Amino acid sequence: MPHRDTVIADIAKRHLLIDTLETRNSDSEDFYEVAVWCIKAALLEAYEAGQNASAIDIQMPIKNV
């Protein structure tokens, strides 16, 4: 399963056209003008990714050590 930050970065690239979520200390590189429908699509995908991740956690049995 992909790491949480990787999933979030991928969603930001595809829906928001943001290359990195790292702070670059530059207004032109840290602030974006984004359409609300792109934000909605990104939020919906993030929500669904969280739902899928929790479903995987529920299905995986916990091993007793």
C-alpha atoms as a PDB file:
ATOM      1  CA  MET A   1       0.000   0.000   0.000  1.00  0.00           C
ATOM      2  CA  PRO A   2       1.446   3.415  -0.948  1.00  0.00           C
ATOM      3  CA  HIS A   3       2.586   5.723   1.802  1.00  0.00           C
ATOM      4  CA  ARG A   4       0.079   8.433   2.772  1.00  0.00           C
ATOM      5  CA  ASP A   5       2.286  11.329   1.638  1.00  0.00           C
ATOM      6  CA  THR A   6       2.819   9.687  -1.745  1.00  0.00           C
ATOM      7  CA  VAL A   7      -0.932   9.329  -2.271  1.00  0.00           C
ATOM      8  CA  ILE A   8      -1.546  12.955  -1.273  1.00  0.00           C
ATOM      9  CA  ALA A   9       1.235  14.239  -3.543  1.00  0.00           C
ATOM     10  CA  ASP A  10      -0.109  12.197  -6.451  1.00  0.00           C
ATOM     11  CA  ILE A  11      -3.607  13.618  -5.959  1.00  0.00           C
ATOM     12  CA  ALA A  12      -2.197  17.160  -5.819  1.00  0.00           C
ATOM     13  CA  LYS A  13      -0.291  16.614  -9.088  1.00  0.00           C
ATOM     14  CA  ARG A  14      -3.234  15.158 -10.988  1.00  0.00           C
ATOM     15  CA  HIS A  15      -6.073  17.370  -9.781  1.00  0.00           C
ATOM     16  CA  LEU A  16      -4.424  20.600  -8.680  1.00  0.00           C
ATOM     17  CA  LEU A  17      -1.399  20.645 -11.018  1.00  0.00           C
ATOM     18  CA  ILE A  18       0.930  21.127  -8.048  1.00  0.00           C
ATOM     19  CA  ASP A  19       4.347  19.555  -8.653  1.00  0.00           C
ATOM     20  CA  THR A  20       5.403  19.391  -5.001  1.00  0.00           C
ATOM     21  CA  LEU A  21       3.827  19.954  -1.617  1.00  0.00           C
ATOM     22  CA  GLU A  22       7.150  21.029  -0.129  1.00  0.00           C
ATOM     23  CA  THR A  23       7.455  24.664   0.984  1.00  0.00           C
ATOM     24  CA  ARG A  24       9.682  26.612  -1.394  1.00  0.00           C
ATOM     25  CA  ASN A  25       9.527  30.002   0.387  1.00  0.00           C
ATOM     26  CA  SER A  26       8.336  31.776  -2.741  1.00  0.00           C
ATOM     27  CA  ASP A  27       4.863  33.219  -3.174  1.00  0.00           C
ATOM     28  CA  SER A  28       4.777  32.273  -6.854  1.00  0.00           C
ATOM     29  CA  GLU A  29       5.694  28.675  -6.022  1.00  0.00           C
ATOM     30  CA  ASP A  30       3.793  28.187  -2.750  1.00  0.00           C
ATOM     31  CA  PHE A  31       0.405  29.737  -3.590  1.00  0.00           C
ATOM     32  CA  TYR A  32      -1.872  28.549  -6.402  1.00  0.00           C
ATOM     33  CA  GLU A  33      -5.038  29.679  -8.083  1.00  0.00           C
ATOM     34  CA  VAL A  34      -7.157  26.543  -8.426  1.00  0.00           C
ATOM     35  CA  ALA A  35     -10.693  26.023  -9.701  1.00  0.00           C
ATOM     36  CA  VAL A  36     -13.203  24.825  -7.115  1.00  0.00           C
ATOM     37  CA  TRP A  37     -14.094  21.765  -9.212  1.00  0.00           C
ATOM     38  CA  CYS A  38     -10.431  20.711  -9.124  1.00  0.00           C
ATOM     39  CA  ILE A  39     -10.359  21.123  -5.351  1.00  0.00           C
ATOM     40  CA  LYS A  40     -13.568  19.096  -5.059  1.00  0.00           C
ATOM     41  CA  ALA A  41     -12.149  16.305  -7.241  1.00  0.00           C
ATOM     42  CA  ALA A  42      -8.948  16.207  -5.162  1.00  0.00           C
ATOM     43  CA  LEU A  43     -10.869  16.112  -1.881  1.00  0.00           C
ATOM     44  CA  LEU A  44     -13.177  13.360  -3.121  1.00  0.00           C
ATOM     45  CA  GLU A  45     -10.243  11.242  -4.252  1.00  0.00           C
ATOM     46  CA  ALA A  46      -8.459  11.782  -0.934  1.00  0.00           C
ATOM     47  CA  TYR A  47     -11.623  10.795   0.936  1.00  0.00           C
ATOM     48  CA  GLU A  48     -11.989   7.644  -1.175  1.00  0.00           C
ATOM     49  CA  ALA A  49      -8.315   6.779  -0.659  1.00  0.00           C
ATOM     50  CA  GLY A  50      -8.861   7.028   3.090  1.00  0.00           C
ATOM     51  CA  GLN A  51     -11.953   4.834   2.880  1.00  0.00           C
ATOM     52  CA  ASN A  52     -10.048   2.239   0.860  1.00  0.00           C
ATOM     53  CA  ALA A  53      -7.105   2.313   3.263  1.00  0.00           C
ATOM     54  CA  SER A  54      -9.342   1.759   6.279  1.00  0.00           C
ATOM     55  CA  ALA A  55     -11.127  -1.108   4.492  1.00  0.00           C
ATOM     56  CA  ILE A  56      -7.756  -2.769   3.865  1.00  0.00           C
ATOM     57  CA  ASP A  57      -6.811  -2.314   7.542  1.00  0.00           C
ATOM     58  CA  ILE A  58     -10.072  -3.931   8.639  1.00  0.00           C
ATOM     59  CA  GLN A  59      -9.626  -6.931   6.319  1.00  0.00           C
ATOM     60  CA  MET A  60      -6.034  -7.632   7.383  1.00  0.00           C
ATOM     61  CA  PRO A  61      -5.897  -9.838  10.490  1.00  0.00           C
ATOM     62  CA  ILE A  62      -3.758  -8.600  13.351  1.00  0.00           C
ATOM     63  CA  LYS A  63      -0.919 -10.970  14.157  1.00  0.00           C
ATOM     64  CA  ASN A  64      -0.265 -11.773  17.780  1.00  0.00           C
ATOM     65  CA  VAL A  65       3.394 -11.459  18.604  1.00  0.00           C
END
